[in-house]
Every structure is written in C-alpha cells, then in structure tokens.
C-alpha cells in the first residue's frame, strides 16, 4: 500500500476507535443510571429489603472496548508503516 493509503486507513481506524470508546461509555452509563433508578425505586417501598443493585459492565461495552483496542493498535500500526515507507 502507498503511504497515503496507509495514512487514510490509520485515520479511519482511529475514528473507529473513538466511536467505539464512546459506545462503551454510553452503554455503561446507561446501565449505571438504570441501577441507580432501581435503587431509588426500592427505597420508596415501605418494606425495605436492604438489597442494592450495583452496575456491572454490559457485554456490549466489553466488546466495544475490545474492538476499540484492536482498531487503535491497527491505526497506530498503519501510521508507523506509512512513516517507514
């Protein structure tokens, strides 16, 4: 590949990485808001069981982070390969 094509591919990989990081953050925040809402709702009932819901990392966030790392590494590899050519 030509250096110009490698730079474009690296840029696309970096944009994809940032989009996937945003998706991972948004999915986790959505899950955390739902857990907070459930905890607030259970406090309104007269029978308090003492059970609280803690937010966990959704599977979508895990996959998004995994592919963000892959695309970030790919972007860096493309940029360094374009510099060497």
N, C-alpha and C. Protein backbone atom coordinates (compact mmCIF):
# COMPACT_ATOMS: atom_id res chain seq x y z
N UNK A 1 0.84 -1.18 0.00
CA UNK A 1 0.00 0.00 0.00
C UNK A 1 0.88 1.24 0.00
N UNK A 2 0.35 2.27 -0.58
CA UNK A 2 1.09 3.52 -0.61
C UNK A 2 0.99 4.20 0.76
N UNK A 3 1.94 5.08 1.07
CA UNK A 3 1.89 5.78 2.36
C UNK A 3 0.60 6.58 2.56
N UNK A 4 0.08 7.15 1.48
CA UNK A 4 -1.17 7.93 1.59
C UNK A 4 -2.34 7.03 1.97
N UNK A 5 -2.41 5.85 1.37
CA UNK A 5 -3.48 4.91 1.71
C UNK A 5 -3.33 4.40 3.14
N UNK A 6 -2.10 4.19 3.57
CA UNK A 6 -1.87 3.75 4.96
C UNK A 6 -2.29 4.83 5.95
N UNK A 7 -2.04 6.09 5.60
CA UNK A 7 -2.45 7.18 6.49
C UNK A 7 -3.98 7.27 6.56
N UNK A 8 -4.64 7.09 5.44
CA UNK A 8 -6.11 7.12 5.44
C UNK A 8 -6.68 5.96 6.26
N UNK A 9 -6.07 4.80 6.09
CA UNK A 9 -6.53 3.63 6.85
C UNK A 9 -6.29 3.85 8.35
N UNK A 10 -5.15 4.42 8.68
CA UNK A 10 -4.86 4.73 10.09
C UNK A 10 -5.85 5.73 10.67
N UNK A 11 -6.21 6.72 9.87
CA UNK A 11 -7.18 7.72 10.33
C UNK A 11 -8.56 7.08 10.54
N UNK A 12 -8.97 6.22 9.62
CA UNK A 12 -10.26 5.54 9.76
C UNK A 12 -10.25 4.65 11.00
N UNK A 13 -9.14 3.97 11.25
CA UNK A 13 -9.04 3.13 12.45
C UNK A 13 -9.13 3.96 13.73
N UNK A 14 -8.51 5.13 13.73
CA UNK A 14 -8.56 5.99 14.93
C UNK A 14 -9.96 6.55 15.14
N UNK A 15 -10.65 6.92 14.06
CA UNK A 15 -12.03 7.40 14.19
C UNK A 15 -12.93 6.28 14.69
N UNK A 16 -12.73 5.08 14.17
CA UNK A 16 -13.49 3.92 14.63
C UNK A 16 -13.22 3.64 16.12
N UNK A 17 -11.97 3.78 16.52
CA UNK A 17 -11.61 3.57 17.92
C UNK A 17 -12.33 4.56 18.83
N UNK A 18 -12.35 5.84 18.43
CA UNK A 18 -13.02 6.83 19.27
C UNK A 18 -14.53 6.60 19.31
N UNK A 19 -15.13 6.19 18.20
CA UNK A 19 -16.56 5.90 18.20
C UNK A 19 -16.88 4.71 19.10
N UNK A 20 -16.04 3.69 19.06
CA UNK A 20 -16.28 2.52 19.91
C UNK A 20 -16.08 2.86 21.39
N UNK A 21 -15.14 3.72 21.69
CA UNK A 21 -14.97 4.15 23.09
C UNK A 21 -16.21 4.91 23.57
N UNK A 22 -16.77 5.74 22.71
CA UNK A 22 -18.00 6.46 23.07
C UNK A 22 -19.15 5.49 23.31
N UNK A 23 -19.27 4.47 22.46
CA UNK A 23 -20.34 3.47 22.62
C UNK A 23 -20.17 2.72 23.94
N UNK A 24 -18.94 2.35 24.26
CA UNK A 24 -18.69 1.62 25.50
C UNK A 24 -19.06 2.48 26.72
N UNK A 25 -18.68 3.75 26.68
CA UNK A 25 -19.00 4.66 27.79
C UNK A 25 -20.52 4.86 27.91
N UNK A 26 -21.18 5.05 26.78
CA UNK A 26 -22.62 5.30 26.80
C UNK A 26 -23.38 4.09 27.31
N UNK A 27 -23.00 2.90 26.91
CA UNK A 27 -23.66 1.68 27.37
C UNK A 27 -23.46 1.49 28.87
N UNK A 28 -22.25 1.76 29.37
CA UNK A 28 -22.01 1.61 30.80
C UNK A 28 -22.80 2.65 31.59
N UNK A 29 -22.82 3.88 31.11
CA UNK A 29 -23.57 4.92 31.82
C UNK A 29 -25.07 4.61 31.82
N UNK A 30 -25.58 4.06 30.75
CA UNK A 30 -26.99 3.68 30.69
C UNK A 30 -27.29 2.60 31.74
N UNK A 31 -26.39 1.65 31.86
CA UNK A 31 -26.56 0.59 32.85
C UNK A 31 -26.47 1.15 34.27
N UNK A 32 -25.55 2.08 34.50
CA UNK A 32 -25.40 2.67 35.83
C UNK A 32 -26.62 3.51 36.21
N UNK A 33 -27.18 4.23 35.24
CA UNK A 33 -28.39 5.02 35.51
C UNK A 33 -29.56 4.11 35.85
N UNK A 34 -29.67 2.99 35.16
CA UNK A 34 -30.75 2.05 35.46
C UNK A 34 -30.59 1.46 36.85
N UNK A 35 -29.37 1.15 37.24
CA UNK A 35 -29.13 0.62 38.58
C UNK A 35 -29.46 1.66 39.64
N UNK A 36 -29.09 2.92 39.40
CA UNK A 36 -29.43 3.98 40.35
C UNK A 36 -30.94 4.14 40.46
N UNK A 37 -31.64 4.07 39.34
CA UNK A 37 -33.10 4.22 39.36
C UNK A 37 -33.76 3.08 40.13
N UNK A 38 -33.26 1.88 39.96
CA UNK A 38 -33.82 0.74 40.69
C UNK A 38 -33.57 0.90 42.18
N UNK A 39 -32.38 1.35 42.55
CA UNK A 39 -32.08 1.55 43.97
C UNK A 39 -32.97 2.63 44.57
N UNK A 40 -33.20 3.71 43.83
CA UNK A 40 -34.09 4.76 44.34
C UNK A 40 -35.53 4.27 44.43
N UNK A 41 -35.93 3.46 43.49
CA UNK A 41 -37.30 2.94 43.50
C UNK A 41 -37.52 1.99 44.67
N UNK A 42 -36.53 1.15 44.98
CA UNK A 42 -36.70 0.22 46.09
C UNK A 42 -36.73 0.94 47.44
N UNK A 43 -36.15 2.12 47.52
CA UNK A 43 -36.20 2.87 48.77
C UNK A 43 -37.57 3.49 49.02
N UNK A 44 -38.39 3.59 47.99
CA UNK A 44 -39.71 4.18 48.15
C UNK A 44 -40.72 3.21 48.77
N UNK A 45 -40.49 1.92 48.63
CA UNK A 45 -41.41 0.95 49.18
C UNK A 45 -41.27 0.86 50.69
N UNK A 46 -42.38 0.61 51.39
CA UNK A 46 -42.31 0.54 52.85
C UNK A 46 -41.51 -0.68 53.35
N UNK A 47 -41.49 -1.74 52.61
CA UNK A 47 -40.71 -2.93 53.01
C UNK A 47 -39.34 -2.81 52.36
N UNK A 48 -38.36 -2.46 53.18
CA UNK A 48 -37.01 -2.28 52.68
C UNK A 48 -36.23 -3.57 52.91
N UNK A 49 -35.81 -4.22 51.84
CA UNK A 49 -35.09 -5.48 51.96
C UNK A 49 -33.60 -5.28 52.17
N UNK A 50 -33.10 -4.09 51.92
CA UNK A 50 -31.67 -3.82 52.09
C UNK A 50 -30.84 -4.29 50.91
N UNK A 51 -31.48 -4.74 49.85
CA UNK A 51 -30.76 -5.21 48.66
C UNK A 51 -30.51 -4.01 47.76
N UNK A 52 -29.27 -3.85 47.33
CA UNK A 52 -28.94 -2.79 46.39
C UNK A 52 -28.40 -3.41 45.11
N UNK A 53 -28.67 -2.75 44.02
CA UNK A 53 -28.21 -3.20 42.72
C UNK A 53 -26.96 -2.41 42.37
N UNK A 54 -25.90 -3.11 42.02
CA UNK A 54 -24.67 -2.44 41.60
C UNK A 54 -24.52 -2.56 40.09
N UNK A 55 -24.09 -1.49 39.44
CA UNK A 55 -23.94 -1.57 37.98
C UNK A 55 -22.75 -2.44 37.60
N UNK A 56 -22.95 -3.25 36.60
CA UNK A 56 -21.88 -4.08 36.06
C UNK A 56 -21.60 -3.63 34.63
N UNK A 57 -20.47 -4.06 34.10
CA UNK A 57 -20.14 -3.68 32.74
C UNK A 57 -20.93 -4.56 31.76
N UNK A 58 -21.75 -3.95 30.91
CA UNK A 58 -22.52 -4.73 29.95
C UNK A 58 -21.61 -5.41 28.92
N UNK A 59 -22.12 -6.45 28.32
CA UNK A 59 -21.35 -7.18 27.31
C UNK A 59 -21.05 -6.29 26.11
N UNK A 60 -21.97 -5.42 25.77
CA UNK A 60 -21.74 -4.51 24.64
C UNK A 60 -20.54 -3.60 24.90
N UNK A 61 -20.38 -3.17 26.15
CA UNK A 61 -19.23 -2.34 26.49
C UNK A 61 -17.93 -3.12 26.40
N UNK A 62 -17.96 -4.36 26.83
CA UNK A 62 -16.75 -5.19 26.76
C UNK A 62 -16.31 -5.40 25.32
N UNK A 63 -17.27 -5.72 24.44
CA UNK A 63 -16.93 -5.92 23.03
C UNK A 63 -16.47 -4.61 22.40
N UNK A 64 -17.13 -3.51 22.74
CA UNK A 64 -16.74 -2.22 22.16
C UNK A 64 -15.33 -1.85 22.59
N UNK A 65 -14.99 -2.09 23.86
CA UNK A 65 -13.63 -1.81 24.31
C UNK A 65 -12.61 -2.70 23.62
N UNK A 66 -12.95 -3.97 23.44
CA UNK A 66 -12.04 -4.90 22.77
C UNK A 66 -11.76 -4.44 21.35
N UNK A 67 -12.81 -4.12 20.60
CA UNK A 67 -12.61 -3.69 19.22
C UNK A 67 -12.00 -2.30 19.13
N UNK A 68 -12.22 -1.46 20.14
CA UNK A 68 -11.56 -0.16 20.17
C UNK A 68 -10.05 -0.33 20.31
N UNK A 69 -9.64 -1.25 21.16
CA UNK A 69 -8.20 -1.52 21.32
C UNK A 69 -7.62 -2.06 20.01
N UNK A 70 -8.34 -2.99 19.39
CA UNK A 70 -7.86 -3.54 18.12
C UNK A 70 -7.73 -2.47 17.04
N UNK A 71 -8.74 -1.64 16.91
CA UNK A 71 -8.68 -0.60 15.88
C UNK A 71 -7.65 0.47 16.22
N UNK A 72 -7.45 0.75 17.50
CA UNK A 72 -6.41 1.70 17.89
C UNK A 72 -5.03 1.18 17.57
N UNK A 73 -4.79 -0.09 17.85
CA UNK A 73 -3.50 -0.69 17.52
C UNK A 73 -3.32 -0.73 16.00
N UNK A 74 -4.36 -1.06 15.28
CA UNK A 74 -4.29 -1.06 13.82
C UNK A 74 -4.00 0.32 13.26
N UNK A 75 -4.62 1.35 13.84
CA UNK A 75 -4.37 2.71 13.39
C UNK A 75 -2.93 3.14 13.62
N UNK A 76 -2.42 2.81 14.80
CA UNK A 76 -1.03 3.16 15.10
C UNK A 76 -0.07 2.39 14.18
N UNK A 77 -0.39 1.13 13.93
CA UNK A 77 0.46 0.33 13.03
C UNK A 77 0.44 0.91 11.62
N UNK A 78 -0.71 1.36 11.15
CA UNK A 78 -0.78 1.96 9.81
C UNK A 78 -0.01 3.27 9.75
N UNK A 79 -0.11 4.09 10.79
CA UNK A 79 0.63 5.36 10.79
C UNK A 79 2.14 5.11 10.82
N UNK A 80 2.59 4.16 11.61
CA UNK A 80 4.04 3.90 11.67
C UNK A 80 4.52 3.27 10.37
N UNK A 81 3.70 2.42 9.73
CA UNK A 81 4.09 1.82 8.46
C UNK A 81 4.14 2.88 7.35
N UNK A 82 3.27 3.89 7.42
CA UNK A 82 3.29 4.93 6.41
C UNK A 82 4.52 5.83 6.57
N UNK A 83 5.01 5.97 7.79
CA UNK A 83 6.21 6.78 8.02
C UNK A 83 7.47 6.09 7.50
N UNK A 84 7.48 4.74 7.61
CA UNK A 84 8.66 3.99 7.18
C UNK A 84 8.75 3.85 5.67
N UNK A 85 7.61 3.98 4.97
CA UNK A 85 7.64 3.81 3.51
C UNK A 85 8.08 5.07 2.81
